[in-house]
Amino acid sequence: MVPTLARVVCQGRGYLKMGVFMVEKAANVVKKVVEPVTNAAAAAGVVILGVMVLMLIISVIMRKAFNAPMKGVFELSEFGMVMITFLFVSAQYFKPDSMVMDTFVEKFPKTVKRINSAFIFLLDVGTLAITSWQLYAYGAKVQAGRQVSKILEIPVYPFVYLGAACTLLLTLVFVMKFLYALNEFGRD
């Protein structure tokens, strides 16, 4: 029996629906893995921010009341800001459409917007993966050079590795967003 065009089209739609289901399932798996890690990173960032505030308050009190400033407060503040920045960024982008700017793209047809969205997320994944890899390579270089801060002599490499790990986490967030964008092609 020769397959008719209608039968081939129906089979094609079935494969498309199955593919959409697989993409959605993969996106949900990534979400289940990434969400708790992102929340934990954000919670760690909140703790670090609280410690920084207390440290700065104590430093000001010691300087004003006892004329004895704390040694290395500026360095600790710098390291704290690095940690806060990297720890919070994946939590910010994990939220759906947390940072959206309406532009002329909103006037495009729905299909063009979907293609654009998927393409942008794919570019984000590639760029962030390269950035994470380069941060890891830089961390290894800093560790081999035994680079430390000037006043407190704190090793710098753990902060670079933290940046690499958090950038990798952000990459996974954008992998999830890319998979959800691909999933939109099967809708309608």
N, C-alpha and C. Protein backbone atom coordinates (compact mmCIF):
# COMPACT_ATOMS: atom_id res chain seq x y z
N MET A 1 0.84 -1.17 0.00
CA MET A 1 0.00 0.00 0.00
C MET A 1 0.89 1.24 0.00
N VAL A 2 0.63 2.15 -0.90
CA VAL A 2 1.40 3.39 -1.04
C VAL A 2 0.85 4.40 -0.03
N PRO A 3 1.76 5.00 0.79
CA PRO A 3 1.25 5.97 1.76
C PRO A 3 0.73 7.22 1.07
N THR A 4 -0.39 7.67 1.50
CA THR A 4 -0.96 8.89 0.93
C THR A 4 -0.31 10.10 1.60
N LEU A 5 -0.44 11.24 0.95
CA LEU A 5 0.12 12.48 1.49
C LEU A 5 -0.47 12.80 2.86
N ALA A 6 -1.76 12.55 3.01
CA ALA A 6 -2.42 12.83 4.30
C ALA A 6 -1.83 11.97 5.41
N ARG A 7 -1.55 10.68 5.10
CA ARG A 7 -1.00 9.77 6.11
C ARG A 7 0.42 10.23 6.51
N VAL A 8 1.23 10.65 5.53
CA VAL A 8 2.60 11.12 5.80
C VAL A 8 2.57 12.38 6.65
N VAL A 9 1.67 13.30 6.33
CA VAL A 9 1.56 14.54 7.10
C VAL A 9 1.14 14.23 8.53
N CYS A 10 0.20 13.34 8.72
CA CYS A 10 -0.24 12.97 10.08
C CYS A 10 0.90 12.33 10.87
N GLN A 11 1.67 11.46 10.21
CA GLN A 11 2.82 10.86 10.89
C GLN A 11 3.83 11.93 11.26
N GLY A 12 4.05 12.89 10.37
CA GLY A 12 4.99 13.98 10.65
C GLY A 12 4.57 14.78 11.86
N ARG A 13 3.28 15.06 11.96
CA ARG A 13 2.78 15.80 13.13
C ARG A 13 2.96 14.99 14.41
N GLY A 14 2.80 13.69 14.31
CA GLY A 14 3.00 12.83 15.48
C GLY A 14 4.45 12.88 15.95
N TYR A 15 5.38 12.84 14.98
CA TYR A 15 6.80 12.94 15.33
C TYR A 15 7.12 14.30 15.93
N LEU A 16 6.49 15.35 15.38
CA LEU A 16 6.71 16.69 15.91
C LEU A 16 6.22 16.78 17.34
N LYS A 17 5.04 16.24 17.61
CA LYS A 17 4.51 16.27 18.97
C LYS A 17 5.39 15.48 19.92
N MET A 18 5.90 14.32 19.45
CA MET A 18 6.78 13.53 20.28
C MET A 18 8.08 14.29 20.55
N GLY A 19 8.61 14.99 19.53
CA GLY A 19 9.83 15.78 19.70
C GLY A 19 9.62 16.92 20.67
N VAL A 20 8.47 17.58 20.57
CA VAL A 20 8.15 18.68 21.48
C VAL A 20 8.06 18.15 22.91
N PHE A 21 7.46 16.99 23.08
CA PHE A 21 7.36 16.39 24.40
C PHE A 21 8.74 16.09 24.96
N MET A 22 9.64 15.58 24.13
CA MET A 22 10.99 15.25 24.58
C MET A 22 11.77 16.50 24.97
N VAL A 23 11.61 17.58 24.20
CA VAL A 23 12.29 18.84 24.50
C VAL A 23 11.77 19.41 25.81
N GLU A 24 10.46 19.37 25.99
CA GLU A 24 9.87 19.88 27.23
C GLU A 24 10.33 19.05 28.43
N LYS A 25 10.40 17.75 28.24
CA LYS A 25 10.86 16.87 29.32
C LYS A 25 12.31 17.19 29.68
N ALA A 26 13.16 17.40 28.67
CA ALA A 26 14.56 17.74 28.92
C ALA A 26 14.67 19.08 29.64
N ALA A 27 13.86 20.06 29.22
CA ALA A 27 13.87 21.37 29.87
C ALA A 27 13.45 21.25 31.33
N ASN A 28 12.45 20.42 31.61
CA ASN A 28 11.99 20.24 32.99
C ASN A 28 13.05 19.55 33.85
N VAL A 29 13.80 18.62 33.26
CA VAL A 29 14.89 17.96 34.00
C VAL A 29 15.97 18.98 34.35
N VAL A 30 16.34 19.80 33.38
CA VAL A 30 17.35 20.84 33.65
C VAL A 30 16.84 21.78 34.73
N LYS A 31 15.55 22.14 34.67
CA LYS A 31 14.97 23.04 35.67
C LYS A 31 15.02 22.43 37.06
N LYS A 32 14.71 21.13 37.17
CA LYS A 32 14.72 20.46 38.47
C LYS A 32 16.13 20.41 39.07
N VAL A 33 17.13 20.35 38.23
CA VAL A 33 18.52 20.32 38.71
C VAL A 33 19.00 21.72 39.06
N VAL A 34 18.68 22.68 38.19
CA VAL A 34 19.23 24.03 38.32
C VAL A 34 18.53 24.85 39.40
N GLU A 35 17.23 24.69 39.54
CA GLU A 35 16.47 25.55 40.47
C GLU A 35 16.98 25.49 41.91
N PRO A 36 17.18 24.32 42.51
CA PRO A 36 17.66 24.32 43.90
C PRO A 36 19.08 24.88 44.03
N VAL A 37 19.91 24.63 43.04
CA VAL A 37 21.27 25.16 43.10
C VAL A 37 21.25 26.68 42.98
N THR A 38 20.41 27.19 42.10
CA THR A 38 20.27 28.64 41.94
C THR A 38 19.75 29.29 43.22
N ASN A 39 18.76 28.66 43.83
CA ASN A 39 18.22 29.19 45.09
C ASN A 39 19.26 29.16 46.21
N ALA A 40 20.05 28.09 46.26
CA ALA A 40 21.11 28.00 47.27
C ALA A 40 22.17 29.07 47.04
N ALA A 41 22.52 29.31 45.79
CA ALA A 41 23.50 30.35 45.48
C ALA A 41 22.98 31.72 45.89
N ALA A 42 21.71 31.98 45.62
CA ALA A 42 21.12 33.26 46.01
C ALA A 42 21.09 33.40 47.53
N ALA A 43 20.78 32.32 48.23
CA ALA A 43 20.77 32.36 49.70
C ALA A 43 22.17 32.63 50.24
N ALA A 44 23.17 32.01 49.64
CA ALA A 44 24.56 32.27 50.05
C ALA A 44 24.91 33.73 49.79
N GLY A 45 24.44 34.28 48.69
CA GLY A 45 24.68 35.69 48.40
C GLY A 45 24.05 36.61 49.43
N VAL A 46 22.86 36.25 49.90
CA VAL A 46 22.19 37.05 50.94
C VAL A 46 23.00 37.02 52.23
N VAL A 47 23.50 35.84 52.58
CA VAL A 47 24.31 35.72 53.80
C VAL A 47 25.59 36.56 53.68
N ILE A 48 26.24 36.49 52.54
CA ILE A 48 27.47 37.26 52.32
C ILE A 48 27.17 38.75 52.39
N LEU A 49 26.05 39.17 51.80
CA LEU A 49 25.67 40.58 51.87
C LEU A 49 25.45 41.01 53.31
N GLY A 50 24.79 40.18 54.10
CA GLY A 50 24.58 40.50 55.52
C GLY A 50 25.89 40.60 56.29
N VAL A 51 26.80 39.69 56.03
CA VAL A 51 28.11 39.74 56.69
C VAL A 51 28.86 40.99 56.28
N MET A 52 28.77 41.36 55.01
CA MET A 52 29.44 42.58 54.55
C MET A 52 28.89 43.82 55.24
N VAL A 53 27.58 43.89 55.38
CA VAL A 53 26.97 45.05 56.06
C VAL A 53 27.45 45.13 57.50
N LEU A 54 27.43 43.99 58.20
CA LEU A 54 27.90 43.99 59.59
C LEU A 54 29.38 44.38 59.68
N MET A 55 30.18 43.86 58.77
CA MET A 55 31.61 44.17 58.76
C MET A 55 31.83 45.68 58.55
N LEU A 56 31.09 46.27 57.63
CA LEU A 56 31.26 47.70 57.38
C LEU A 56 30.77 48.55 58.55
N ILE A 57 29.68 48.13 59.20
CA ILE A 57 29.19 48.86 60.37
C ILE A 57 30.23 48.80 61.50
N ILE A 58 30.76 47.61 61.74
CA ILE A 58 31.79 47.46 62.79
C ILE A 58 33.02 48.27 62.45
N SER A 59 33.40 48.29 61.18
CA SER A 59 34.57 49.06 60.76
C SER A 59 34.39 50.55 61.00
N VAL A 60 33.19 51.06 60.68
CA VAL A 60 32.93 52.49 60.89
C VAL A 60 32.93 52.81 62.38
N ILE A 61 32.31 51.95 63.19
CA ILE A 61 32.29 52.18 64.64
C ILE A 61 33.70 52.16 65.21
N MET A 62 34.49 51.21 64.81
CA MET A 62 35.87 51.13 65.31
C MET A 62 36.69 52.33 64.89
N ARG A 63 36.48 52.80 63.65
CA ARG A 63 37.25 53.94 63.17
C ARG A 63 36.83 55.23 63.88
N LYS A 64 35.53 55.44 64.05
CA LYS A 64 35.04 56.68 64.67
C LYS A 64 35.19 56.68 66.18
N ALA A 65 34.85 55.58 66.83
CA ALA A 65 34.85 55.53 68.29
C ALA A 65 36.24 55.29 68.87
N PHE A 66 37.00 54.40 68.24
CA PHE A 66 38.29 54.00 68.83
C PHE A 66 39.49 54.43 68.01
N ASN A 67 39.24 55.10 66.88
CA ASN A 67 40.31 55.55 65.99
C ASN A 67 41.21 54.37 65.58
N ALA A 68 40.59 53.20 65.40
CA ALA A 68 41.32 51.99 65.02
C ALA A 68 40.55 51.26 63.91
N PRO A 69 40.79 51.63 62.66
CA PRO A 69 40.05 50.97 61.59
C PRO A 69 40.45 49.49 61.45
N MET A 70 39.50 48.71 60.98
CA MET A 70 39.78 47.29 60.75
C MET A 70 40.70 47.14 59.54
N LYS A 71 41.64 46.25 59.67
CA LYS A 71 42.59 46.01 58.59
C LYS A 71 41.94 45.16 57.48
N GLY A 72 42.07 45.59 56.23
CA GLY A 72 41.62 44.81 55.09
C GLY A 72 40.15 44.86 54.78
N VAL A 73 39.41 45.83 55.32
CA VAL A 73 37.97 45.92 55.07
C VAL A 73 37.70 46.16 53.59
N PHE A 74 38.51 46.98 52.96
CA PHE A 74 38.30 47.27 51.55
C PHE A 74 38.48 46.00 50.71
N GLU A 75 39.50 45.22 51.01
CA GLU A 75 39.72 43.96 50.29
C GLU A 75 38.56 43.00 50.49
N LEU A 76 38.12 42.86 51.74
CA LEU A 76 37.00 41.96 52.02
C LEU A 76 35.72 42.42 51.32
N SER A 77 35.54 43.73 51.24
CA SER A 77 34.37 44.27 50.53
C SER A 77 34.45 43.94 49.04
N GLU A 78 35.65 44.05 48.47
CA GLU A 78 35.81 43.72 47.06
C GLU A 78 35.50 42.24 46.81
N PHE A 79 36.05 41.37 47.62
CA PHE A 79 35.79 39.94 47.47
C PHE A 79 34.30 39.63 47.68
N GLY A 80 33.70 40.30 48.65
CA GLY A 80 32.27 40.11 48.90
C GLY A 80 31.42 40.54 47.71
N MET A 81 31.78 41.65 47.09
CA MET A 81 31.02 42.11 45.92
C MET A 81 31.16 41.14 44.74
N VAL A 82 32.35 40.57 44.58
CA VAL A 82 32.55 39.57 43.53
C VAL A 82 31.64 38.38 43.79
N MET A 83 31.63 37.90 45.03
CA MET A 83 30.81 36.74 45.35
C MET A 83 29.32 37.04 45.17
N ILE A 84 28.88 38.19 45.63
CA ILE A 84 27.46 38.56 45.52
C ILE A 84 27.04 38.64 44.06
N THR A 85 27.87 39.28 43.25
CA THR A 85 27.54 39.43 41.83
C THR A 85 27.34 38.07 41.16
N PHE A 86 28.31 37.18 41.34
CA PHE A 86 28.21 35.88 40.67
C PHE A 86 27.12 35.00 41.28
N LEU A 87 26.90 35.08 42.57
CA LEU A 87 25.90 34.23 43.21
C LEU A 87 24.47 34.63 42.86
N PHE A 88 24.23 35.92 42.68
CA PHE A 88 22.87 36.40 42.42
C PHE A 88 22.46 36.34 40.96
N VAL A 89 23.41 36.36 40.03
CA VAL A 89 23.05 36.55 38.63
C VAL A 89 22.21 35.39 38.08
N SER A 90 22.52 34.16 38.43
CA SER A 90 21.73 33.05 37.90
C SER A 90 20.31 33.04 38.48
N ALA A 91 20.16 33.47 39.73
CA ALA A 91 18.82 33.54 40.33
C ALA A 91 17.98 34.60 39.63
N GLN A 92 18.62 35.68 39.24
CA GLN A 92 17.89 36.75 38.55
C GLN A 92 17.37 36.28 37.19
N TYR A 93 18.19 35.58 36.45
CA TYR A 93 17.79 35.13 35.12
C TYR A 93 16.95 33.86 35.15
N PHE A 94 16.89 33.19 36.28
CA PHE A 94 16.07 31.98 36.39
C PHE A 94 14.59 32.31 36.31
N LYS A 95 14.23 33.47 36.80
CA LYS A 95 12.83 33.88 36.77
C LYS A 95 12.39 34.03 35.31
N PRO A 96 11.16 33.65 35.00
CA PRO A 96 10.72 33.80 33.61
C PRO A 96 10.56 35.27 33.23
N ASP A 97 11.17 35.62 32.13
CA ASP A 97 11.10 36.98 31.58
C ASP A 97 11.40 38.05 32.63
N SER A 98 12.44 37.84 33.40
CA SER A 98 12.76 38.79 34.45
C SER A 98 13.35 40.08 33.91
N MET A 99 14.08 39.97 32.83
CA MET A 99 14.70 41.16 32.25
C MET A 99 14.33 41.21 30.78
N VAL A 100 13.21 41.85 30.48
CA VAL A 100 12.72 41.92 29.11
C VAL A 100 12.59 43.38 28.70
N MET A 101 13.10 43.67 27.53
CA MET A 101 12.93 45.00 26.97
C MET A 101 12.09 44.86 25.70
N ASP A 102 10.97 45.55 25.67
CA ASP A 102 10.15 45.52 24.46
C ASP A 102 10.83 46.39 23.41
N THR A 103 11.03 45.81 22.26
CA THR A 103 11.66 46.52 21.15
C THR A 103 10.85 46.29 19.90
N PHE A 104 11.45 46.63 18.80
CA PHE A 104 10.76 46.43 17.52
C PHE A 104 10.50 44.96 17.24
N VAL A 105 11.20 44.05 17.93
CA VAL A 105 11.00 42.62 17.73
C VAL A 105 9.57 42.22 18.09
N GLU A 106 8.97 42.94 19.02
CA GLU A 106 7.60 42.63 19.44
C GLU A 106 6.59 42.80 18.31
N LYS A 107 6.97 43.54 17.28
CA LYS A 107 6.07 43.76 16.15
C LYS A 107 6.18 42.65 15.10
N PHE A 108 7.15 41.74 15.26
CA PHE A 108 7.33 40.64 14.32
C PHE A 108 6.22 39.61 14.49
N PRO A 109 6.00 38.79 13.45
CA PRO A 109 5.05 37.68 13.60
C PRO A 109 5.52 36.69 14.67
N LYS A 110 4.60 35.92 15.18
CA LYS A 110 4.88 34.99 16.28
C LYS A 110 6.01 34.02 15.95
N THR A 111 6.04 33.51 14.74
CA THR A 111 7.07 32.54 14.34
C THR A 111 8.45 33.19 14.34
N VAL A 112 8.54 34.41 13.85
CA VAL A 112 9.83 35.11 13.81
C VAL A 112 10.30 35.40 15.23
N LYS A 113 9.38 35.77 16.10
CA LYS A 113 9.75 36.01 17.50
C LYS A 113 10.28 34.74 18.17
N ARG A 114 9.65 33.60 17.85
CA ARG A 114 10.09 32.33 18.43
C ARG A 114 11.49 31.97 17.92
N ILE A 115 11.72 32.15 16.64
CA ILE A 115 13.05 31.87 16.07
C ILE A 115 14.09 32.79 16.70
N ASN A 116 13.75 34.07 16.80
CA ASN A 116 14.66 35.05 17.39
C ASN A 116 14.98 34.69 18.84
N SER A 117 13.97 34.34 19.60
CA SER A 117 14.16 33.99 21.00
C SER A 117 15.07 32.77 21.15
N ALA A 118 14.80 31.73 20.37
CA ALA A 118 15.62 30.52 20.45
C ALA A 118 17.06 30.83 20.05
N PHE A 119 17.23 31.62 19.00
CA PHE A 119 18.57 31.96 18.53
C PHE A 119 19.34 32.77 19.58
N ILE A 120 18.68 33.73 20.20
CA ILE A 120 19.34 34.54 21.23
C ILE A 120 19.74 33.68 22.42
N PHE A 121 18.87 32.78 22.85
CA PHE A 121 19.20 31.90 23.97
C PHE A 121 20.37 30.97 23.60
N LEU A 122 20.40 30.51 22.36
CA LEU A 122 21.52 29.67 21.92
C LEU A 122 22.83 30.46 21.93
N LEU A 123 22.80 31.71 21.48
CA LEU A 123 23.99 32.56 21.56
C LEU A 123 24.42 32.79 23.01
N ASP A 124 23.44 32.99 23.89
CA ASP A 124 23.75 33.16 25.31
C ASP A 124 24.44 31.92 25.87
N VAL A 125 23.92 30.75 25.52
CA VAL A 125 24.51 29.49 26.01
C VAL A 125 25.96 29.39 25.55
N GLY A 126 26.21 29.64 24.27
CA GLY A 126 27.57 29.55 23.74
C GLY A 126 28.51 30.54 24.39
N THR A 127 28.08 31.78 24.50
CA THR A 127 28.92 32.83 25.09
C THR A 127 29.22 32.54 26.56
N LEU A 128 28.21 32.15 27.31
CA LEU A 128 28.41 31.88 28.73
C LEU A 128 29.24 30.63 28.96
N ALA A 129 29.10 29.62 28.11
CA ALA A 129 29.92 28.41 28.25
C ALA A 129 31.39 28.75 28.03
N ILE A 130 31.67 29.56 27.02
CA ILE A 130 33.06 29.98 26.76
C ILE A 130 33.57 30.82 27.92
N THR A 131 32.74 31.71 28.42
CA THR A 131 33.16 32.56 29.55
C THR A 131 33.47 31.71 30.78
N SER A 132 32.64 30.73 31.07
CA SER A 132 32.87 29.86 32.21
C SER A 132 34.18 29.09 32.05
N TRP A 133 34.39 28.55 30.87
CA TRP A 133 35.62 27.81 30.58
C TRP A 133 36.84 28.70 30.74
N GLN A 134 36.77 29.93 30.24
CA GLN A 134 37.90 30.85 30.34
C GLN A 134 38.14 31.28 31.80
N LEU A 135 37.08 31.45 32.56
CA LEU A 135 37.25 31.77 33.99
C LEU A 135 37.92 30.61 34.72
N TYR A 136 37.54 29.39 34.38
CA TYR A 136 38.18 28.23 35.00
C TYR A 136 39.67 28.19 34.63
N ALA A 137 39.98 28.43 33.37
CA ALA A 137 41.38 28.44 32.92
C ALA A 137 42.16 29.55 33.61
N TYR A 138 41.52 30.71 33.77
CA TYR A 138 42.18 31.82 34.47
C TYR A 138 42.38 31.48 35.95
N GLY A 139 41.40 30.82 36.55
CA GLY A 139 41.53 30.40 37.95
C GLY A 139 42.71 29.47 38.14
N ALA A 140 42.90 28.54 37.21
CA ALA A 140 44.05 27.63 37.29
C ALA A 140 45.36 28.40 37.17
N LYS A 141 45.37 29.40 36.31
CA LYS A 141 46.57 30.23 36.13
C LYS A 141 46.88 31.04 37.40
N VAL A 142 45.84 31.61 37.97
CA VAL A 142 46.01 32.39 39.21
C VAL A 142 46.45 31.49 40.36
N GLN A 143 45.88 30.28 40.40
CA GLN A 143 46.27 29.34 41.45
C GLN A 143 47.72 28.91 41.29
N ALA A 144 48.13 28.65 40.07
CA ALA A 144 49.52 28.25 39.83
C ALA A 144 50.48 29.38 40.18
N GLY A 145 50.06 30.62 39.95
CA GLY A 145 50.89 31.78 40.28
C GLY A 145 50.83 32.18 41.74
N ARG A 146 49.98 31.52 42.50
CA ARG A 146 49.80 31.79 43.94
C ARG A 146 49.52 33.26 44.23
N GLN A 147 48.63 33.82 43.44
CA GLN A 147 48.28 35.23 43.60
C GLN A 147 47.41 35.41 44.84
N VAL A 148 47.77 36.41 45.65
CA VAL A 148 47.02 36.71 46.88
C VAL A 148 46.71 38.20 46.93
N SER A 149 45.80 38.56 47.82
CA SER A 149 45.48 39.98 48.00
C SER A 149 46.63 40.66 48.72
N LYS A 150 46.72 41.98 48.60
CA LYS A 150 47.88 42.72 49.11
C LYS A 150 47.94 42.80 50.63
N ILE A 151 46.85 43.10 51.27
CA ILE A 151 46.88 43.36 52.70
C ILE A 151 46.69 42.08 53.51
N LEU A 152 45.61 41.36 53.27
CA LEU A 152 45.28 40.18 54.06
C LEU A 152 45.89 38.89 53.49
N GLU A 153 46.45 38.97 52.31
CA GLU A 153 47.07 37.83 51.63
C GLU A 153 46.10 36.64 51.49
N ILE A 154 44.88 36.97 51.08
CA ILE A 154 43.86 35.95 50.82
C ILE A 154 44.09 35.44 49.40
N PRO A 155 44.12 34.12 49.20
CA PRO A 155 44.28 33.60 47.84
C PRO A 155 43.12 34.06 46.95
N VAL A 156 43.44 34.45 45.72
CA VAL A 156 42.44 34.99 44.80
C VAL A 156 41.72 33.88 44.02
N TYR A 157 42.39 32.76 43.79
CA TYR A 157 41.83 31.73 42.90
C TYR A 157 40.47 31.18 43.31
N PRO A 158 40.13 31.04 44.61
CA PRO A 158 38.79 30.52 44.92
C PRO A 158 37.67 31.42 44.39
N PHE A 159 37.92 32.71 44.35
CA PHE A 159 36.90 33.64 43.87
C PHE A 159 36.74 33.53 42.35
N VAL A 160 37.84 33.26 41.66
CA VAL A 160 37.77 33.05 40.21
C VAL A 160 37.03 31.75 39.92
N TYR A 161 37.33 30.70 40.68
CA TYR A 161 36.61 29.43 40.50
C TYR A 161 35.12 29.58 40.82
N LEU A 162 34.80 30.37 41.83
CA LEU A 162 33.39 30.64 42.15
C LEU A 162 32.72 31.32 40.96
N GLY A 163 33.41 32.28 40.36
CA GLY A 163 32.88 32.94 39.18
C GLY A 163 32.65 31.97 38.04
N ALA A 164 33.59 31.04 37.84
CA ALA A 164 33.45 30.04 36.77
C ALA A 164 32.26 29.12 37.05
N ALA A 165 32.12 28.68 38.30
CA ALA A 165 31.01 27.79 38.66
C ALA A 165 29.66 28.49 38.51
N CYS A 166 29.58 29.74 38.96
CA CYS A 166 28.31 30.47 38.85
C CYS A 166 27.98 30.81 37.40
N THR A 167 29.01 31.05 36.59
CA THR A 167 28.77 31.29 35.16
C THR A 167 28.30 30.01 34.49
N LEU A 168 28.84 28.88 34.90
CA LEU A 168 28.36 27.59 34.39
C LEU A 168 26.90 27.37 34.80
N LEU A 169 26.55 27.74 36.02
CA LEU A 169 25.17 27.64 36.47
C LEU A 169 24.27 28.53 35.62
N LEU A 170 24.73 29.74 35.32
CA LEU A 170 23.96 30.64 34.47
C LEU A 170 23.83 30.06 33.06
N THR A 171 24.87 29.38 32.60
CA THR A 171 24.80 28.71 31.30
C THR A 171 23.68 27.67 31.30
N LEU A 172 23.58 26.91 32.38
CA LEU A 172 22.51 25.90 32.48
C LEU A 172 21.13 26.55 32.52
N VAL A 173 21.03 27.72 33.16
CA VAL A 173 19.76 28.44 33.17
C VAL A 173 19.37 28.79 31.73
N PHE A 174 20.34 29.24 30.94
CA PHE A 174 20.03 29.60 29.56
C PHE A 174 19.82 28.37 28.68
N VAL A 175 20.43 27.23 29.02
CA VAL A 175 20.12 25.98 28.32
C VAL A 175 18.64 25.66 28.54
N MET A 176 18.19 25.80 29.78
CA MET A 176 16.78 25.56 30.09
C MET A 176 15.89 26.51 29.29
N LYS A 177 16.24 27.79 29.26
CA LYS A 177 15.44 28.77 28.51
C LYS A 177 15.45 28.45 27.01
N PHE A 178 16.59 27.99 26.50
CA PHE A 178 16.68 27.61 25.09
C PHE A 178 15.76 26.43 24.79
N LEU A 179 15.76 25.43 25.68
CA LEU A 179 14.90 24.27 25.47
C LEU A 179 13.43 24.65 25.52
N TYR A 180 13.07 25.54 26.44
CA TYR A 180 11.68 26.00 26.49
C TYR A 180 11.33 26.80 25.23
N ALA A 181 12.30 27.56 24.70
CA ALA A 181 12.05 28.31 23.46
C ALA A 181 11.86 27.35 22.29
N LEU A 182 12.64 26.26 22.26
CA LEU A 182 12.43 25.25 21.21
C LEU A 182 11.07 24.59 21.35
N ASN A 183 10.66 24.41 22.57
CA ASN A 183 9.37 23.78 22.84
C ASN A 183 8.23 24.61 22.28
N GLU A 184 8.40 25.91 22.18
CA GLU A 184 7.36 26.80 21.67
C GLU A 184 7.06 26.53 20.19
N PHE A 185 8.01 25.94 19.46
CA PHE A 185 7.78 25.67 18.04
C PHE A 185 6.68 24.63 17.83
N GLY A 186 6.47 23.77 18.80
CA GLY A 186 5.45 22.73 18.66
C GLY A 186 4.07 23.19 19.08
N ARG A 187 3.98 24.38 19.59
CA ARG A 187 2.69 24.91 20.05
C ARG A 187 1.88 25.37 18.84
N ASP A 188 0.62 25.56 19.02
CA ASP A 188 -0.35 26.04 18.02
C ASP A 188 -0.86 24.97 17.17
